[in-house]
Protein backbone atom coordinates (compact mmCIF):
# COMPACT_ATOMS: atom_id res chain seq x y z
CA MET A 1 58.26 75.90 -72.72
CA LYS A 2 58.67 78.52 -70.01
CA LEU A 3 55.92 80.07 -67.90
CA VAL A 4 56.32 83.38 -66.08
CA LEU A 5 54.42 84.59 -63.01
CA ASP A 6 54.94 88.20 -61.95
CA LEU A 7 53.66 88.85 -58.42
CA HIS A 8 54.25 92.62 -58.39
CA ASP A 9 50.59 93.53 -58.85
CA ILE A 10 49.26 91.23 -56.10
CA TYR A 11 52.03 91.43 -53.50
CA ASP A 12 49.63 92.54 -50.76
CA ASP A 13 46.82 90.00 -51.27
CA SER A 14 47.52 86.61 -49.67
CA ALA A 15 44.63 84.80 -51.31
CA LYS A 16 45.55 86.02 -54.79
CA ILE A 17 49.20 85.09 -54.27
CA GLU A 18 48.25 81.56 -53.22
CA ARG A 19 45.88 81.16 -56.20
CA ALA A 20 48.46 82.55 -58.64
CA LEU A 21 51.20 80.23 -57.36
CA GLN A 22 48.93 77.18 -57.46
CA GLY A 23 47.67 78.22 -60.89
CA VAL A 24 51.12 78.48 -62.44
CA ILE A 25 52.17 75.11 -61.00
CA ASP A 26 48.95 73.53 -62.30
CA GLU A 27 49.55 75.12 -65.72
CA ALA A 28 53.13 73.79 -65.76
CA VAL A 29 51.87 70.29 -65.03
CA ARG A 30 49.11 70.56 -67.62
CA THR A 31 51.41 71.85 -70.38
CA ARG A 32 54.49 69.92 -69.19
CA ALA A 33 56.50 73.15 -69.05
CA LYS A 34 60.17 72.68 -68.24
CA LEU A 35 60.59 75.99 -66.40
CA VAL A 36 58.50 78.42 -64.39
CA GLU A 37 59.96 81.82 -63.55
CA ILE A 38 58.33 83.44 -60.53
CA ILE A 39 59.04 87.14 -60.06
CA PRO A 40 58.39 88.28 -56.49
CA GLY A 41 60.56 91.37 -56.93
CA LYS A 42 63.40 92.49 -54.70
CA GLY A 43 61.69 94.49 -51.93
CA SER A 44 62.09 93.32 -48.34
CA GLY A 45 62.30 89.65 -49.31
CA GLN A 46 59.06 88.65 -47.58
CA LEU A 47 57.26 87.77 -50.80
CA ARG A 48 60.23 85.69 -51.98
CA LYS A 49 60.18 83.81 -48.66
CA ARG A 50 56.47 83.18 -49.10
CA VAL A 51 57.07 81.80 -52.61
CA LEU A 52 59.81 79.50 -51.30
CA ARG A 53 57.54 78.25 -48.48
CA PHE A 54 54.85 77.48 -51.06
CA LEU A 55 57.36 75.58 -53.21
CA ASP A 56 58.50 73.65 -50.13
CA ARG A 57 55.02 72.21 -49.53
CA LYS A 58 54.98 68.42 -49.80
CA ASP A 59 52.41 68.34 -52.63
CA VAL A 60 54.32 70.91 -54.70
CA LYS A 61 57.73 69.44 -53.94
CA ALA A 62 56.57 66.11 -55.37
CA LEU A 63 56.03 67.78 -58.77
CA VAL A 64 59.16 69.96 -58.92
CA HIS A 65 62.58 68.76 -59.97
CA ARG A 66 64.63 71.71 -58.71
CA VAL A 67 64.14 75.23 -57.35
CA GLU A 68 66.85 77.71 -58.26
CA LYS A 69 67.29 80.76 -56.05
CA ASP A 70 69.57 83.10 -57.98
CA GLN A 71 72.14 84.51 -55.56
CA HIS A 72 72.82 87.47 -57.86
CA ASN A 73 69.21 88.42 -58.61
CA HIS A 74 66.90 88.00 -55.62
CA GLY A 75 64.00 89.27 -57.72
CA HIS A 76 63.17 85.93 -59.30
CA VAL A 77 62.93 82.23 -58.52
CA LEU A 78 63.26 79.53 -61.17
CA VAL A 79 61.30 76.31 -60.81
CA HIS A 80 62.54 73.43 -62.97
CA PHE A 81 60.48 70.40 -63.95
CA ARG A 82 61.64 67.13 -65.48
CA TRP A 83 58.94 65.19 -67.29
CA LYS A 84 59.18 61.56 -68.36
């Protein structure tokens, strides 16, 4: 199962971004999704950096197996989970 979170519509609202990121991680845990694709878009790169900082939090890092930052397409971040 793959979940997708597109942040284009809420790029300028910090609270909504935080809730959306937490929500998709919670949904991945609940449904045991193997992959979450987060789409911050290309832009200036600030939203992508914010997503990566969120994924680097200790509580989130404990849940995530691997974060893939595509070098060829900066417009999305792949978050991989490995469930037992």
